Amino acid sequence: MAMDLRTSLPAAAIVIGCTLVVTVRVALAPAPVPRRHATPEERAEIAEAIAVAERTWADETVQNFPADRWSQRDDFHGREYRKAQEIADEKGIRIEDVLRAVDDDIHRKQAKTGSEPDERNAYAVPCKPRPFYD
């Protein structure tokens, strides 16, 4: 199939023009402002706020997905991440510090044995592929 110069030259010009526009915009865009680190007091406050909200999130996810443990955990962690983003934005701190505060709080508490209930559900759900996807 022969190339038609009447359509290929304008197409090449459009591609080059778009590439130049994108390159200039990227080069002139301001860098994001780095966020500060959370103080130890903020970390404790963040961990407490998330821990208090976890029970409500868990109850709501069970109502939303009554027979699907995998979707319950997905929904729960989605809620947790949105709250972490919200806290990071409100306080102007790094999201890594928010997530680290939650992780440190979970690890600070004593691990439960198999017979004791884990009030924070701090365990991994086995990764099993679903037989179908809706």
C-alpha atoms as a PDB file:
ATOM      1  CA  MET A   1       0.000   0.000   0.000  1.00  0.00           C
ATOM      2  CA  ALA A   2       1.567   3.282  -1.111  1.00  0.00           C
ATOM      3  CA  MET A   3       1.686   6.261   1.241  1.00  0.00           C
ATOM      4  CA  ASP A   4      -0.222   9.328   0.192  1.00  0.00           C
ATOM      5  CA  LEU A   5       1.899  12.411   0.875  1.00  0.00           C
ATOM      6  CA  ARG A   6      -1.192  14.615   0.986  1.00  0.00           C
ATOM      7  CA  THR A   7      -2.293  12.933   4.241  1.00  0.00           C
ATOM      8  CA  SER A   8       0.997  11.729   5.729  1.00  0.00           C
ATOM      9  CA  LEU A   9       2.776  15.120   5.737  1.00  0.00           C
ATOM     10  CA  PRO A  10      -0.018  16.950   7.590  1.00  0.00           C
ATOM     11  CA  ALA A  11      -0.275  14.023  10.012  1.00  0.00           C
ATOM     12  CA  ALA A  12       3.475  14.174  10.686  1.00  0.00           C
ATOM     13  CA  ALA A  13       3.243  17.950  11.200  1.00  0.00           C
ATOM     14  CA  ILE A  14       0.422  17.490  13.722  1.00  0.00           C
ATOM     15  CA  VAL A  15       2.391  14.839  15.640  1.00  0.00           C
ATOM     16  CA  ILE A  16       5.511  17.033  15.739  1.00  0.00           C
ATOM     17  CA  GLY A  17       3.458  20.069  16.790  1.00  0.00           C
ATOM     18  CA  CYS A  18       1.731  18.179  19.601  1.00  0.00           C
ATOM     19  CA  THR A  19       5.064  16.784  20.771  1.00  0.00           C
ATOM     20  CA  LEU A  20       6.547  20.281  20.907  1.00  0.00           C
ATOM     21  CA  VAL A  21       3.567  21.671  22.832  1.00  0.00           C
ATOM     22  CA  VAL A  22       3.716  18.853  25.387  1.00  0.00           C
ATOM     23  CA  THR A  23       7.489  19.179  25.763  1.00  0.00           C
ATOM     24  CA  VAL A  24       7.260  22.934  26.382  1.00  0.00           C
ATOM     25  CA  ARG A  25       4.428  22.506  28.902  1.00  0.00           C
ATOM     26  CA  VAL A  26       6.361  19.845  30.808  1.00  0.00           C
ATOM     27  CA  ALA A  27       9.533  21.925  30.830  1.00  0.00           C
ATOM     28  CA  LEU A  28       7.733  25.022  32.136  1.00  0.00           C
ATOM     29  CA  ALA A  29       5.462  23.313  34.684  1.00  0.00           C
ATOM     30  CA  PRO A  30       6.274  24.126  38.308  1.00  0.00           C
ATOM     31  CA  ALA A  31       7.546  21.291  40.484  1.00  0.00           C
ATOM     32  CA  PRO A  32       5.172  20.157  43.228  1.00  0.00           C
ATOM     33  CA  VAL A  33       5.830  21.688  46.622  1.00  0.00           C
ATOM     34  CA  PRO A  34       7.429  19.088  48.894  1.00  0.00           C
ATOM     35  CA  ARG A  35       5.361  18.371  51.969  1.00  0.00           C
ATOM     36  CA  ARG A  36       6.743  18.353  55.465  1.00  0.00           C
ATOM     37  CA  HIS A  37       7.217  15.329  57.719  1.00  0.00           C
ATOM     38  CA  ALA A  38       4.641  14.602  60.406  1.00  0.00           C
ATOM     39  CA  THR A  39       5.600  15.277  64.006  1.00  0.00           C
ATOM     40  CA  PRO A  40       5.372  12.436  66.551  1.00  0.00           C
ATOM     41  CA  GLU A  41       2.274  14.101  68.041  1.00  0.00           C
ATOM     42  CA  GLU A  42       0.623  14.246  64.627  1.00  0.00           C
ATOM     43  CA  ARG A  43       1.476  10.597  64.000  1.00  0.00           C
ATOM     44  CA  ALA A  44      -0.206   9.563  67.248  1.00  0.00           C
ATOM     45  CA  GLU A  45      -3.260  11.686  66.431  1.00  0.00           C
ATOM     46  CA  ILE A  46      -3.460  10.223  62.914  1.00  0.00           C
ATOM     47  CA  ALA A  47      -3.163   6.642  64.165  1.00  0.00           C
ATOM     48  CA  GLU A  48      -5.932   7.230  66.698  1.00  0.00           C
ATOM     49  CA  ALA A  49      -8.244   8.854  64.134  1.00  0.00           C
ATOM     50  CA  ILE A  50      -7.837   5.982  61.675  1.00  0.00           C
ATOM     51  CA  ALA A  51      -8.177   3.305  64.377  1.00  0.00           C
ATOM     52  CA  VAL A  52     -11.456   4.842  65.582  1.00  0.00           C
ATOM     53  CA  ALA A  53     -12.882   4.950  62.046  1.00  0.00           C
ATOM     54  CA  GLU A  54     -11.875   1.373  61.165  1.00  0.00           C
ATOM     55  CA  ARG A  55     -14.768  -0.294  63.011  1.00  0.00           C
ATOM     56  CA  THR A  56     -17.332   1.819  61.141  1.00  0.00           C
ATOM     57  CA  TRP A  57     -15.634   1.128  57.802  1.00  0.00           C
ATOM     58  CA  ALA A  58     -15.569  -2.600  58.511  1.00  0.00           C
ATOM     59  CA  ASP A  59     -19.285  -2.639  59.375  1.00  0.00           C
ATOM     60  CA  GLU A  60     -20.175  -0.669  56.241  1.00  0.00           C
ATOM     61  CA  THR A  61     -18.120  -2.917  53.969  1.00  0.00           C
ATOM     62  CA  VAL A  62     -19.815  -6.023  55.376  1.00  0.00           C
ATOM     63  CA  GLN A  63     -23.184  -4.443  54.561  1.00  0.00           C
ATOM     64  CA  ASN A  64     -22.042  -3.476  51.053  1.00  0.00           C
ATOM     65  CA  PHE A  65     -20.522  -6.892  50.251  1.00  0.00           C
ATOM     66  CA  PRO A  66     -22.170  -9.437  52.592  1.00  0.00           C
ATOM     67  CA  ALA A  67     -20.765 -12.627  51.086  1.00  0.00           C
ATOM     68  CA  ASP A  68     -17.590 -11.375  49.418  1.00  0.00           C
ATOM     69  CA  ARG A  69     -14.653 -11.105  51.826  1.00  0.00           C
ATOM     70  CA  TRP A  70     -12.276 -10.026  49.059  1.00  0.00           C
ATOM     71  CA  SER A  71     -14.457  -7.066  48.051  1.00  0.00           C
ATOM     72  CA  GLN A  72     -14.953  -6.174  51.707  1.00  0.00           C
ATOM     73  CA  ARG A  73     -11.192  -5.819  52.144  1.00  0.00           C
ATOM     74  CA  ASP A  74     -10.847  -3.875  48.877  1.00  0.00           C
ATOM     75  CA  ASP A  75     -13.583  -1.466  49.947  1.00  0.00           C
ATOM     76  CA  PHE A  76     -12.129  -1.138  53.440  1.00  0.00           C
ATOM     77  CA  HIS A  77      -8.658  -0.300  52.182  1.00  0.00           C
ATOM     78  CA  GLY A  78     -10.081   2.121  49.639  1.00  0.00           C
ATOM     79  CA  ARG A  79     -11.802   3.976  52.482  1.00  0.00           C
ATOM     80  CA  GLU A  80      -8.626   3.872  54.537  1.00  0.00           C
ATOM     81  CA  TYR A  81      -6.548   5.286  51.681  1.00  0.00           C
ATOM     82  CA  ARG A  82      -9.040   8.079  50.951  1.00  0.00           C
ATOM     83  CA  LYS A  83      -8.959   9.059  54.639  1.00  0.00           C
ATOM     84  CA  ALA A  84      -5.151   8.983  54.592  1.00  0.00           C
ATOM     85  CA  GLN A  85      -5.132  11.296  51.560  1.00  0.00           C
ATOM     86  CA  GLU A  86      -7.624  13.607  53.264  1.00  0.00           C
ATOM     87  CA  ILE A  87      -5.516  13.817  56.433  1.00  0.00           C
ATOM     88  CA  ALA A  88      -2.321  14.407  54.452  1.00  0.00           C
ATOM     89  CA  ASP A  89      -3.975  17.222  52.500  1.00  0.00           C
ATOM     90  CA  GLU A  90      -5.486  18.832  55.614  1.00  0.00           C
ATOM     91  CA  LYS A  91      -2.228  18.814  57.555  1.00  0.00           C
ATOM     92  CA  GLY A  92       0.079  19.435  54.583  1.00  0.00           C
ATOM     93  CA  ILE A  93       2.170  16.362  55.359  1.00  0.00           C
ATOM     94  CA  ARG A  94       3.439  13.484  53.258  1.00  0.00           C
ATOM     95  CA  ILE A  95       1.025  10.611  52.695  1.00  0.00           C
ATOM     96  CA  GLU A  96       3.884   8.236  53.526  1.00  0.00           C
ATOM     97  CA  ASP A  97       3.885   9.622  57.062  1.00  0.00           C
ATOM     98  CA  VAL A  98       0.146   9.038  57.424  1.00  0.00           C
ATOM     99  CA  LEU A  99       0.420   5.434  56.236  1.00  0.00           C
ATOM    100  CA  ARG A 100       3.513   4.847  58.396  1.00  0.00           C
ATOM    101  CA  ALA A 101       1.622   6.139  61.454  1.00  0.00           C
ATOM    102  CA  VAL A 102      -1.154   3.602  60.849  1.00  0.00           C
ATOM    103  CA  ASP A 103       1.328   0.792  60.195  1.00  0.00           C
ATOM    104  CA  ASP A 104       3.364   1.600  63.301  1.00  0.00           C
ATOM    105  CA  ASP A 105       0.185   1.675  65.396  1.00  0.00           C
ATOM    106  CA  ILE A 106      -0.852  -1.766  64.134  1.00  0.00           C
ATOM    107  CA  HIS A 107       2.616  -3.211  64.782  1.00  0.00           C
ATOM    108  CA  ARG A 108       2.867  -1.564  68.209  1.00  0.00           C
ATOM    109  CA  LYS A 109       0.013  -3.682  69.507  1.00  0.00           C
ATOM    110  CA  GLN A 110       0.658  -7.261  70.494  1.00  0.00           C
ATOM    111  CA  ALA A 111      -0.006  -9.869  67.820  1.00  0.00           C
ATOM    112  CA  LYS A 112      -3.021 -12.067  68.482  1.00  0.00           C
ATOM    113  CA  THR A 113      -2.977 -15.821  68.614  1.00  0.00           C
ATOM    114  CA  GLY A 114      -5.304 -17.901  66.479  1.00  0.00           C
ATOM    115  CA  SER A 115      -7.978 -18.142  69.190  1.00  0.00           C
ATOM    116  CA  GLU A 116      -8.026 -14.430  70.082  1.00  0.00           C
ATOM    117  CA  PRO A 117     -10.040 -12.065  67.901  1.00  0.00           C
ATOM    118  CA  ASP A 118      -8.082  -9.382  66.071  1.00  0.00           C
ATOM    119  CA  GLU A 119     -10.129  -6.209  66.496  1.00  0.00           C
ATOM    120  CA  ARG A 120      -8.318  -4.415  63.654  1.00  0.00           C
ATOM    121  CA  ASN A 121      -8.273  -7.321  61.183  1.00  0.00           C
ATOM    122  CA  ALA A 122      -4.552  -6.772  60.698  1.00  0.00           C
ATOM    123  CA  TYR A 123      -3.900  -9.782  58.548  1.00  0.00           C
ATOM    124  CA  ALA A 124      -3.735 -10.472  54.850  1.00  0.00           C
ATOM    125  CA  VAL A 125      -6.602 -12.097  53.025  1.00  0.00           C
ATOM    126  CA  PRO A 126      -5.286 -14.969  50.893  1.00  0.00           C
ATOM    127  CA  CYS A 127      -4.812 -13.951  47.284  1.00  0.00           C
ATOM    128  CA  LYS A 128      -7.085 -16.242  45.326  1.00  0.00           C
ATOM    129  CA  PRO A 129      -8.057 -15.323  41.781  1.00  0.00           C
ATOM    130  CA  ARG A 130     -11.776 -15.092  41.263  1.00  0.00           C
ATOM    131  CA  PRO A 131     -13.388 -17.651  38.971  1.00  0.00           C
ATOM    132  CA  PHE A 132     -15.312 -14.824  37.282  1.00  0.00           C
ATOM    133  CA  TYR A 133     -15.382 -11.038  37.258  1.00  0.00           C
ATOM    134  CA  ASP A 134     -18.634  -9.115  37.101  1.00  0.00           C
END
